[in-house]
Amino acid sequence: MNTTAEALRSFVVENFLFGADTPFTDQDSLLEQGIIDSTGVLELITFLESRYQIAIADEELVPENLDSIANLTRFVTAKCGTGNRPAAQPVTAT
């Protein structure tokens, strides 16, 4: 099963590392490691809002939510209400 963390890691590797096998842990800071920059954060937000059909408020744009795969996973899980939803399946409105 493709988890949220796996989907987020895949997006980061494909879009910011261009598929390179650069090792980083889920706890590593994406900004401090130079994996993403401020423009990358905007791309990441667009991806999250599109993929998971969530709205991200300006006040939620903080490192505690967005600076690592682990933080992103917790943030998306909280916004979606579940951590076990297959990442390939976006949240749909009911």
PDB file of N, CA and C in Angstrom:
ATOM      1  N   MET A   1       0.849  -1.179   0.000  1.00  0.00           N
ATOM      2  CA  MET A   1       0.000   0.000   0.000  1.00  0.00           C
ATOM      3  C   MET A   1       0.896   1.244   0.000  1.00  0.00           C
ATOM      4  N   ASN A   2       0.550   2.199  -0.784  1.00  0.00           N
ATOM      5  CA  ASN A   2       1.293   3.443  -0.875  1.00  0.00           C
ATOM      6  C   ASN A   2       0.792   4.384   0.222  1.00  0.00           C
ATOM      7  N   THR A   3       1.631   4.664   1.203  1.00  0.00           N
ATOM      8  CA  THR A   3       1.218   5.507   2.322  1.00  0.00           C
ATOM      9  C   THR A   3       1.396   6.981   1.990  1.00  0.00           C
ATOM     10  N   THR A   4       0.846   7.811   2.839  1.00  0.00           N
ATOM     11  CA  THR A   4       1.003   9.253   2.671  1.00  0.00           C
ATOM     12  C   THR A   4       2.480   9.629   2.685  1.00  0.00           C
ATOM     13  N   ALA A   5       3.242   9.089   3.637  1.00  0.00           N
ATOM     14  CA  ALA A   5       4.676   9.398   3.723  1.00  0.00           C
ATOM     15  C   ALA A   5       5.398   8.989   2.445  1.00  0.00           C
ATOM     16  N   GLU A   6       5.067   7.821   1.909  1.00  0.00           N
ATOM     17  CA  GLU A   6       5.698   7.365   0.666  1.00  0.00           C
ATOM     18  C   GLU A   6       5.355   8.284  -0.493  1.00  0.00           C
ATOM     19  N   ALA A   7       4.106   8.719  -0.566  1.00  0.00           N
ATOM     20  CA  ALA A   7       3.688   9.616  -1.649  1.00  0.00           C
ATOM     21  C   ALA A   7       4.397  10.962  -1.537  1.00  0.00           C
ATOM     22  N   LEU A   8       4.531  11.472  -0.319  1.00  0.00           N
ATOM     23  CA  LEU A   8       5.216  12.749  -0.112  1.00  0.00           C
ATOM     24  C   LEU A   8       6.693  12.636  -0.466  1.00  0.00           C
ATOM     25  N   ARG A   9       7.339  11.562  -0.024  1.00  0.00           N
ATOM     26  CA  ARG A   9       8.751  11.340  -0.343  1.00  0.00           C
ATOM     27  C   ARG A   9       8.933  11.223  -1.855  1.00  0.00           C
ATOM     28  N   SER A  10       8.060  10.481  -2.503  1.00  0.00           N
ATOM     29  CA  SER A  10       8.137  10.320  -3.956  1.00  0.00           C
ATOM     30  C   SER A  10       8.012  11.665  -4.663  1.00  0.00           C
ATOM     31  N   PHE A  11       7.072  12.498  -4.224  1.00  0.00           N
ATOM     32  CA  PHE A  11       6.905  13.823  -4.822  1.00  0.00           C
ATOM     33  C   PHE A  11       8.170  14.657  -4.655  1.00  0.00           C
ATOM     34  N   VAL A  12       8.736  14.656  -3.461  1.00  0.00           N
ATOM     35  CA  VAL A  12       9.953  15.433  -3.198  1.00  0.00           C
ATOM     36  C   VAL A  12      11.106  14.935  -4.064  1.00  0.00           C
ATOM     37  N   VAL A  13      11.310  13.627  -4.111  1.00  0.00           N
ATOM     38  CA  VAL A  13      12.412  13.065  -4.901  1.00  0.00           C
ATOM     39  C   VAL A  13      12.234  13.382  -6.379  1.00  0.00           C
ATOM     40  N   GLU A  14      11.042  13.183  -6.905  1.00  0.00           N
ATOM     41  CA  GLU A  14      10.801  13.397  -8.331  1.00  0.00           C
ATOM     42  C   GLU A  14      10.854  14.869  -8.728  1.00  0.00           C
ATOM     43  N   ASN A  15      10.367  15.760  -7.883  1.00  0.00           N
ATOM     44  CA  ASN A  15      10.235  17.163  -8.264  1.00  0.00           C
ATOM     45  C   ASN A  15      11.370  18.067  -7.810  1.00  0.00           C
ATOM     46  N   PHE A  16      12.065  17.689  -6.755  1.00  0.00           N
ATOM     47  CA  PHE A  16      13.122  18.560  -6.239  1.00  0.00           C
ATOM     48  C   PHE A  16      14.507  17.934  -6.352  1.00  0.00           C
ATOM     49  N   LEU A  17      14.566  16.609  -6.357  1.00  0.00           N
ATOM     50  CA  LEU A  17      15.853  15.923  -6.519  1.00  0.00           C
ATOM     51  C   LEU A  17      15.964  15.303  -7.907  1.00  0.00           C
ATOM     52  N   PHE A  18      14.926  15.487  -8.713  1.00  0.00           N
ATOM     53  CA  PHE A  18      14.881  15.016 -10.098  1.00  0.00           C
ATOM     54  C   PHE A  18      15.213  13.532 -10.217  1.00  0.00           C
ATOM     55  N   GLY A  19      14.681  12.761  -9.260  1.00  0.00           N
ATOM     56  CA  GLY A  19      14.830  11.316  -9.281  1.00  0.00           C
ATOM     57  C   GLY A  19      16.146  10.812  -8.724  1.00  0.00           C
ATOM     58  N   ALA A  20      17.042  11.712  -8.324  1.00  0.00           N
ATOM     59  CA  ALA A  20      18.340  11.301  -7.783  1.00  0.00           C
ATOM     60  C   ALA A  20      18.147  10.559  -6.465  1.00  0.00           C
ATOM     61  N   ASP A  21      18.983   9.568  -6.248  1.00  0.00           N
ATOM     62  CA  ASP A  21      18.901   8.762  -5.033  1.00  0.00           C
ATOM     63  C   ASP A  21      19.705   9.428  -3.916  1.00  0.00           C
ATOM     64  N   THR A  22      19.295  10.636  -3.553  1.00  0.00           N
ATOM     65  CA  THR A  22      19.948  11.383  -2.483  1.00  0.00           C
ATOM     66  C   THR A  22      19.354  10.937  -1.157  1.00  0.00           C
ATOM     67  N   PRO A  23      20.180  10.390  -0.270  1.00  0.00           N
ATOM     68  CA  PRO A  23      19.628   9.896   0.996  1.00  0.00           C
ATOM     69  C   PRO A  23      19.228  11.031   1.937  1.00  0.00           C
ATOM     70  N   PHE A  24      18.036  10.920   2.477  1.00  0.00           N
ATOM     71  CA  PHE A  24      17.581  11.807   3.543  1.00  0.00           C
ATOM     72  C   PHE A  24      16.511  11.067   4.320  1.00  0.00           C
ATOM     73  N   THR A  25      16.436  11.367   5.611  1.00  0.00           N
ATOM     74  CA  THR A  25      15.464  10.681   6.459  1.00  0.00           C
ATOM     75  C   THR A  25      14.157  11.463   6.492  1.00  0.00           C
ATOM     76  N   ASP A  26      13.145  10.835   7.010  1.00  0.00           N
ATOM     77  CA  ASP A  26      11.849  11.501   7.123  1.00  0.00           C
ATOM     78  C   ASP A  26      11.894  12.666   8.110  1.00  0.00           C
ATOM     79  N   GLN A  27      12.899  12.686   8.988  1.00  0.00           N
ATOM     80  CA  GLN A  27      13.016  13.764   9.966  1.00  0.00           C
ATOM     81  C   GLN A  27      13.923  14.900   9.492  1.00  0.00           C
ATOM     82  N   ASP A  28      14.675  14.709   8.421  1.00  0.00           N
ATOM     83  CA  ASP A  28      15.582  15.752   7.923  1.00  0.00           C
ATOM     84  C   ASP A  28      14.808  16.974   7.451  1.00  0.00           C
ATOM     85  N   SER A  29      15.350  18.146   7.755  1.00  0.00           N
ATOM     86  CA  SER A  29      14.749  19.397   7.294  1.00  0.00           C
ATOM     87  C   SER A  29      14.954  19.536   5.792  1.00  0.00           C
ATOM     88  N   LEU A  30      13.867  19.652   5.065  1.00  0.00           N
ATOM     89  CA  LEU A  30      13.954  19.807   3.611  1.00  0.00           C
ATOM     90  C   LEU A  30      14.595  21.138   3.240  1.00  0.00           C
ATOM     91  N   LEU A  31      14.381  22.157   4.053  1.00  0.00           N
ATOM     92  CA  LEU A  31      14.979  23.473   3.801  1.00  0.00           C
ATOM     93  C   LEU A  31      16.458  23.486   4.175  1.00  0.00           C
ATOM     94  N   GLU A  32      16.791  23.018   5.374  1.00  0.00           N
ATOM     95  CA  GLU A  32      18.183  23.030   5.823  1.00  0.00           C
ATOM     96  C   GLU A  32      19.071  22.136   4.966  1.00  0.00           C
ATOM     97  N   GLN A  33      18.517  21.049   4.439  1.00  0.00           N
ATOM     98  CA  GLN A  33      19.282  20.140   3.585  1.00  0.00           C
ATOM     99  C   GLN A  33      19.404  20.666   2.157  1.00  0.00           C
ATOM    100  N   GLY A  34      18.715  21.770   1.871  1.00  0.00           N
ATOM    101  CA  GLY A  34      18.769  22.341   0.530  1.00  0.00           C
ATOM    102  C   GLY A  34      17.955  21.565  -0.494  1.00  0.00           C
ATOM    103  N   ILE A  35      17.031  20.750  -0.012  1.00  0.00           N
ATOM    104  CA  ILE A  35      16.202  19.945  -0.913  1.00  0.00           C
ATOM    105  C   ILE A  35      15.133  20.810  -1.562  1.00  0.00           C
ATOM    106  N   ILE A  36      14.522  21.698  -0.787  1.00  0.00           N
ATOM    107  CA  ILE A  36      13.556  22.642  -1.351  1.00  0.00           C
ATOM    108  C   ILE A  36      13.907  24.054  -0.901  1.00  0.00           C
ATOM    109  N   ASP A  37      13.442  25.021  -1.673  1.00  0.00           N
ATOM    110  CA  ASP A  37      13.607  26.430  -1.316  1.00  0.00           C
ATOM    111  C   ASP A  37      12.211  27.042  -1.210  1.00  0.00           C
ATOM    112  N   SER A  38      12.137  28.353  -1.111  1.00  0.00           N
ATOM    113  CA  SER A  38      10.828  28.993  -0.926  1.00  0.00           C
ATOM    114  C   SER A  38       9.890  28.729  -2.100  1.00  0.00           C
ATOM    115  N   THR A  39      10.425  28.691  -3.304  1.00  0.00           N
ATOM    116  CA  THR A  39       9.595  28.360  -4.469  1.00  0.00           C
ATOM    117  C   THR A  39       9.124  26.912  -4.384  1.00  0.00           C
ATOM    118  N   GLY A  40       9.995  26.047  -3.908  1.00  0.00           N
ATOM    119  CA  GLY A  40       9.641  24.647  -3.725  1.00  0.00           C
ATOM    120  C   GLY A  40       8.521  24.464  -2.721  1.00  0.00           C
ATOM    121  N   VAL A  41       8.518  25.291  -1.688  1.00  0.00           N
ATOM    122  CA  VAL A  41       7.438  25.230  -0.696  1.00  0.00           C
ATOM    123  C   VAL A  41       6.105  25.528  -1.370  1.00  0.00           C
ATOM    124  N   LEU A  42       6.094  26.510  -2.265  1.00  0.00           N
ATOM    125  CA  LEU A  42       4.857  26.832  -2.990  1.00  0.00           C
ATOM    126  C   LEU A  42       4.407  25.660  -3.860  1.00  0.00           C
ATOM    127  N   GLU A  43       5.349  25.004  -4.533  1.00  0.00           N
ATOM    128  CA  GLU A  43       5.016  23.818  -5.332  1.00  0.00           C
ATOM    129  C   GLU A  43       4.465  22.712  -4.444  1.00  0.00           C
ATOM    130  N   LEU A  44       5.080  22.539  -3.287  1.00  0.00           N
ATOM    131  CA  LEU A  44       4.641  21.525  -2.340  1.00  0.00           C
ATOM    132  C   LEU A  44       3.219  21.800  -1.856  1.00  0.00           C
ATOM    133  N   ILE A  45       2.915  23.053  -1.545  1.00  0.00           N
ATOM    134  CA  ILE A  45       1.570  23.440  -1.106  1.00  0.00           C
ATOM    135  C   ILE A  45       0.550  23.138  -2.201  1.00  0.00           C
ATOM    136  N   THR A  46       0.884  23.486  -3.432  1.00  0.00           N
ATOM    137  CA  THR A  46      -0.013  23.219  -4.563  1.00  0.00           C
ATOM    138  C   THR A  46      -0.272  21.724  -4.690  1.00  0.00           C
ATOM    139  N   PHE A  47       0.782  20.924  -4.552  1.00  0.00           N
ATOM    140  CA  PHE A  47       0.646  19.470  -4.605  1.00  0.00           C
ATOM    141  C   PHE A  47      -0.274  18.968  -3.492  1.00  0.00           C
ATOM    142  N   LEU A  48      -0.037  19.409  -2.265  1.00  0.00           N
ATOM    143  CA  LEU A  48      -0.851  18.951  -1.133  1.00  0.00           C
ATOM    144  C   LEU A  48      -2.320  19.307  -1.317  1.00  0.00           C
ATOM    145  N   GLU A  49      -2.581  20.543  -1.725  1.00  0.00           N
ATOM    146  CA  GLU A  49      -3.970  20.980  -1.901  1.00  0.00           C
ATOM    147  C   GLU A  49      -4.658  20.208  -3.021  1.00  0.00           C
ATOM    148  N   SER A  50      -3.942  19.930  -4.079  1.00  0.00           N
ATOM    149  CA  SER A  50      -4.515  19.202  -5.209  1.00  0.00           C
ATOM    150  C   SER A  50      -4.691  17.718  -4.893  1.00  0.00           C
ATOM    151  N   ARG A  51      -3.652  17.087  -4.409  1.00  0.00           N
ATOM    152  CA  ARG A  51      -3.651  15.648  -4.161  1.00  0.00           C
ATOM    153  C   ARG A  51      -4.643  15.243  -3.076  1.00  0.00           C
ATOM    154  N   TYR A  52      -4.650  16.002  -1.994  1.00  0.00           N
ATOM    155  CA  TYR A  52      -5.469  15.631  -0.843  1.00  0.00           C
ATOM    156  C   TYR A  52      -6.731  16.467  -0.696  1.00  0.00           C
ATOM    157  N   GLN A  53      -6.952  17.356  -1.630  1.00  0.00           N
ATOM    158  CA  GLN A  53      -8.124  18.228  -1.627  1.00  0.00           C
ATOM    159  C   GLN A  53      -8.313  18.896  -0.268  1.00  0.00           C
ATOM    160  N   ILE A  54      -7.238  19.528   0.185  1.00  0.00           N
ATOM    161  CA  ILE A  54      -7.257  20.266   1.440  1.00  0.00           C
ATOM    162  C   ILE A  54      -6.932  21.725   1.149  1.00  0.00           C
ATOM    163  N   ALA A  55      -7.395  22.597   2.013  1.00  0.00           N
ATOM    164  CA  ALA A  55      -7.043  24.017   1.928  1.00  0.00           C
ATOM    165  C   ALA A  55      -6.034  24.299   3.029  1.00  0.00           C
ATOM    166  N   ILE A  56      -4.954  24.959   2.662  1.00  0.00           N
ATOM    167  CA  ILE A  56      -3.909  25.281   3.623  1.00  0.00           C
ATOM    168  C   ILE A  56      -3.916  26.786   3.850  1.00  0.00           C
ATOM    169  N   ALA A  57      -4.204  27.176   5.079  1.00  0.00           N
ATOM    170  CA  ALA A  57      -4.273  28.596   5.442  1.00  0.00           C
ATOM    171  C   ALA A  57      -2.870  29.165   5.611  1.00  0.00           C
ATOM    172  N   ASP A  58      -2.748  30.465   5.420  1.00  0.00           N
ATOM    173  CA  ASP A  58      -1.453  31.136   5.559  1.00  0.00           C
ATOM    174  C   ASP A  58      -0.798  30.843   6.907  1.00  0.00           C
ATOM    175  N   GLU A  59      -1.587  30.828   7.967  1.00  0.00           N
ATOM    176  CA  GLU A  59      -1.021  30.596   9.295  1.00  0.00           C
ATOM    177  C   GLU A  59      -0.520  29.164   9.488  1.00  0.00           C
ATOM    178  N   GLU A  60      -0.857  28.267   8.569  1.00  0.00           N
ATOM    179  CA  GLU A  60      -0.371  26.888   8.635  1.00  0.00           C
ATOM    180  C   GLU A  60       0.954  26.707   7.892  1.00  0.00           C
ATOM    181  N   LEU A  61       1.412  27.744   7.215  1.00  0.00           N
ATOM    182  CA  LEU A  61       2.654  27.678   6.444  1.00  0.00           C
ATOM    183  C   LEU A  61       3.851  27.924   7.357  1.00  0.00           C
ATOM    184  N   VAL A  62       4.100  26.969   8.232  1.00  0.00           N
ATOM    185  CA  VAL A  62       5.192  27.060   9.197  1.00  0.00           C
ATOM    186  C   VAL A  62       6.029  25.782   9.123  1.00  0.00           C
ATOM    187  N   PRO A  63       7.310  25.859   9.496  1.00  0.00           N
ATOM    188  CA  PRO A  63       8.176  24.679   9.432  1.00  0.00           C
ATOM    189  C   PRO A  63       7.631  23.481  10.199  1.00  0.00           C
ATOM    190  N   GLU A  64       6.945  23.734  11.298  1.00  0.00           N
ATOM    191  CA  GLU A  64       6.394  22.627  12.081  1.00  0.00           C
ATOM    192  C   GLU A  64       5.442  21.763  11.255  1.00  0.00           C
ATOM    193  N   ASN A  65       4.886  22.311  10.194  1.00  0.00           N
ATOM    194  CA  ASN A  65       3.977  21.556   9.333  1.00  0.00           C
ATOM    195  C   ASN A  65       4.639  21.057   8.055  1.00  0.00           C
ATOM    196  N   LEU A  66       5.650  21.760   7.562  1.00  0.00           N
ATOM    197  CA  LEU A  66       6.083  21.541   6.181  1.00  0.00           C
ATOM    198  C   LEU A  66       7.561  21.231   5.974  1.00  0.00           C
ATOM    199  N   ASP A  67       8.368  21.163   7.023  1.00  0.00           N
ATOM    200  CA  ASP A  67       9.812  21.128   6.826  1.00  0.00           C
ATOM    201  C   ASP A  67      10.442  19.744   6.755  1.00  0.00           C
ATOM    202  N   SER A  68       9.678  18.697   6.863  1.00  0.00           N
ATOM    203  CA  SER A  68      10.229  17.343   6.735  1.00  0.00           C
ATOM    204  C   SER A  68       9.111  16.416   6.274  1.00  0.00           C
ATOM    205  N   ILE A  69       9.493  15.257   5.822  1.00  0.00           N
ATOM    206  CA  ILE A  69       8.483  14.268   5.424  1.00  0.00           C
ATOM    207  C   ILE A  69       7.626  13.912   6.637  1.00  0.00           C
ATOM    208  N   ALA A  70       8.246  13.752   7.798  1.00  0.00           N
ATOM    209  CA  ALA A  70       7.497  13.418   9.016  1.00  0.00           C
ATOM    210  C   ALA A  70       6.504  14.523   9.367  1.00  0.00           C
ATOM    211  N   ASN A  71       6.946  15.781   9.318  1.00  0.00           N
ATOM    212  CA  ASN A  71       6.043  16.901   9.622  1.00  0.00           C
ATOM    213  C   ASN A  71       4.922  16.989   8.598  1.00  0.00           C
ATOM    214  N   LEU A  72       5.253  16.824   7.338  1.00  0.00           N
ATOM    215  CA  LEU A  72       4.239  16.858   6.281  1.00  0.00           C
ATOM    216  C   LEU A  72       3.211  15.751   6.470  1.00  0.00           C
ATOM    217  N   THR A  73       3.684  14.564   6.811  1.00  0.00           N
ATOM    218  CA  THR A  73       2.780  13.432   7.011  1.00  0.00           C
ATOM    219  C   THR A  73       1.819  13.706   8.159  1.00  0.00           C
ATOM    220  N   ARG A  74       2.341  14.215   9.277  1.00  0.00           N
ATOM    221  CA  ARG A  74       1.472  14.555  10.416  1.00  0.00           C
ATOM    222  C   ARG A  74       0.457  15.624  10.021  1.00  0.00           C
ATOM    223  N   PHE A  75       0.917  16.630   9.296  1.00  0.00           N
ATOM    224  CA  PHE A  75       0.048  17.728   8.883  1.00  0.00           C
ATOM    225  C   PHE A  75      -1.074  17.230   7.968  1.00  0.00           C
ATOM    226  N   VAL A  76      -0.712  16.470   6.940  1.00  0.00           N
ATOM    227  CA  VAL A  76      -1.711  15.947   6.004  1.00  0.00           C
ATOM    228  C   VAL A  76      -2.671  15.008   6.726  1.00  0.00           C
ATOM    229  N   THR A  77      -2.137  14.172   7.600  1.00  0.00           N
ATOM    230  CA  THR A  77      -2.979  13.252   8.366  1.00  0.00           C
ATOM    231  C   THR A  77      -4.006  14.019   9.193  1.00  0.00           C
ATOM    232  N   ALA A  78      -3.559  15.074   9.847  1.00  0.00           N
ATOM    233  CA  ALA A  78      -4.477  15.886  10.654  1.00  0.00           C
ATOM    234  C   ALA A  78      -5.524  16.571   9.780  1.00  0.00           C
ATOM    235  N   LYS A  79      -5.110  17.087   8.633  1.00  0.00           N
ATOM    236  CA  LYS A  79      -6.044  17.777   7.737  1.00  0.00           C
ATOM    237  C   LYS A  79      -7.055  16.806   7.125  1.00  0.00           C
ATOM    238  N   CYS A  80      -6.606  15.590   6.840  1.00  0.00           N
ATOM    239  CA  CYS A  80      -7.485  14.610   6.184  1.00  0.00           C
ATOM    240  C   CYS A  80      -8.265  13.760   7.179  1.00  0.00           C
ATOM    241  N   GLY A  81      -7.764  13.654   8.386  1.00  0.00           N
ATOM    242  CA  GLY A  81      -8.461  12.868   9.388  1.00  0.00           C
ATOM    243  C   GLY A  81      -8.069  11.408   9.437  1.00  0.00           C
ATOM    244  N   THR A  82      -7.098  10.975   8.619  1.00  0.00           N
ATOM    245  CA  THR A  82      -6.630   9.594   8.662  1.00  0.00           C
ATOM    246  C   THR A  82      -5.227   9.506   8.107  1.00  0.00           C
ATOM    247  N   GLY A  83      -4.434   8.624   8.682  1.00  0.00           N
ATOM    248  CA  GLY A  83      -3.078   8.416   8.193  1.00  0.00           C
ATOM    249  C   GLY A  83      -2.948   7.179   7.347  1.00  0.00           C
ATOM    250  N   ASN A  84      -4.004   6.388   7.240  1.00  0.00           N
ATOM    251  CA  ASN A  84      -3.908   5.126   6.530  1.00  0.00           C
ATOM    252  C   ASN A  84      -4.565   5.145   5.160  1.00  0.00           C
ATOM    253  N   ARG A  85      -5.023   6.291   4.728  1.00  0.00           N
ATOM    254  CA  ARG A  85      -5.629   6.408   3.406  1.00  0.00           C
ATOM    255  C   ARG A  85      -4.546   6.182   2.363  1.00  0.00           C
ATOM    256  N   PRO A  86      -4.785   5.341   1.364  1.00  0.00           N
ATOM    257  CA  PRO A  86      -3.792   5.186   0.310  1.00  0.00           C
ATOM    258  C   PRO A  86      -3.501   6.530  -0.336  1.00  0.00           C
ATOM    259  N   ALA A  87      -2.237   6.832  -0.514  1.00  0.00           N
ATOM    260  CA  ALA A  87      -1.838   8.136  -1.030  1.00  0.00           C
ATOM    261  C   ALA A  87      -2.330   8.376  -2.447  1.00  0.00           C
ATOM    262  N   ALA A  88      -2.562   7.324  -3.193  1.00  0.00           N
ATOM    263  CA  ALA A  88      -3.017   7.487  -4.569  1.00  0.00           C
ATOM    264  C   ALA A  88      -4.469   7.940  -4.633  1.00  0.00           C
ATOM    265  N   GLN A  89      -5.171   7.869  -3.534  1.00  0.00           N
ATOM    266  CA  GLN A  89      -6.584   8.224  -3.500  1.00  0.00           C
ATOM    267  C   GLN A  89      -6.766   9.554  -2.784  1.00  0.00           C
ATOM    268  N   PRO A  90      -7.041  10.627  -3.510  1.00  0.00           N
ATOM    269  CA  PRO A  90      -7.231  11.915  -2.852  1.00  0.00           C
ATOM    270  C   PRO A  90      -8.496  11.924  -2.006  1.00  0.00           C
ATOM    271  N   VAL A  91      -8.506  12.819  -1.053  1.00  0.00           N
ATOM    272  CA  VAL A  91      -9.686  13.015  -0.217  1.00  0.00           C
ATOM    273  C   VAL A  91     -10.792  13.566  -1.095  1.00  0.00           C
ATOM    274  N   THR A  92     -11.991  13.026  -0.955  1.00  0.00           N
ATOM    275  CA  THR A  92     -13.115  13.536  -1.738  1.00  0.00           C
ATOM    276  C   THR A  92     -14.164  14.102  -0.801  1.00  0.00           C
ATOM    277  N   ALA A  93     -14.810  15.150  -1.235  1.00  0.00           N
ATOM    278  CA  ALA A  93     -15.868  15.771  -0.436  1.00  0.00           C
ATOM    279  C   ALA A  93     -17.079  14.861  -0.400  1.00  0.00           C
ATOM    280  N   THR A  94     -17.753  14.836   0.741  1.00  0.00           N
ATOM    281  CA  THR A  94     -18.958  14.000   0.852  1.00  0.00           C
ATOM    282  C   THR A  94     -20.196  14.842   0.850  1.00  0.00           C
TER     283      THR A  94
END
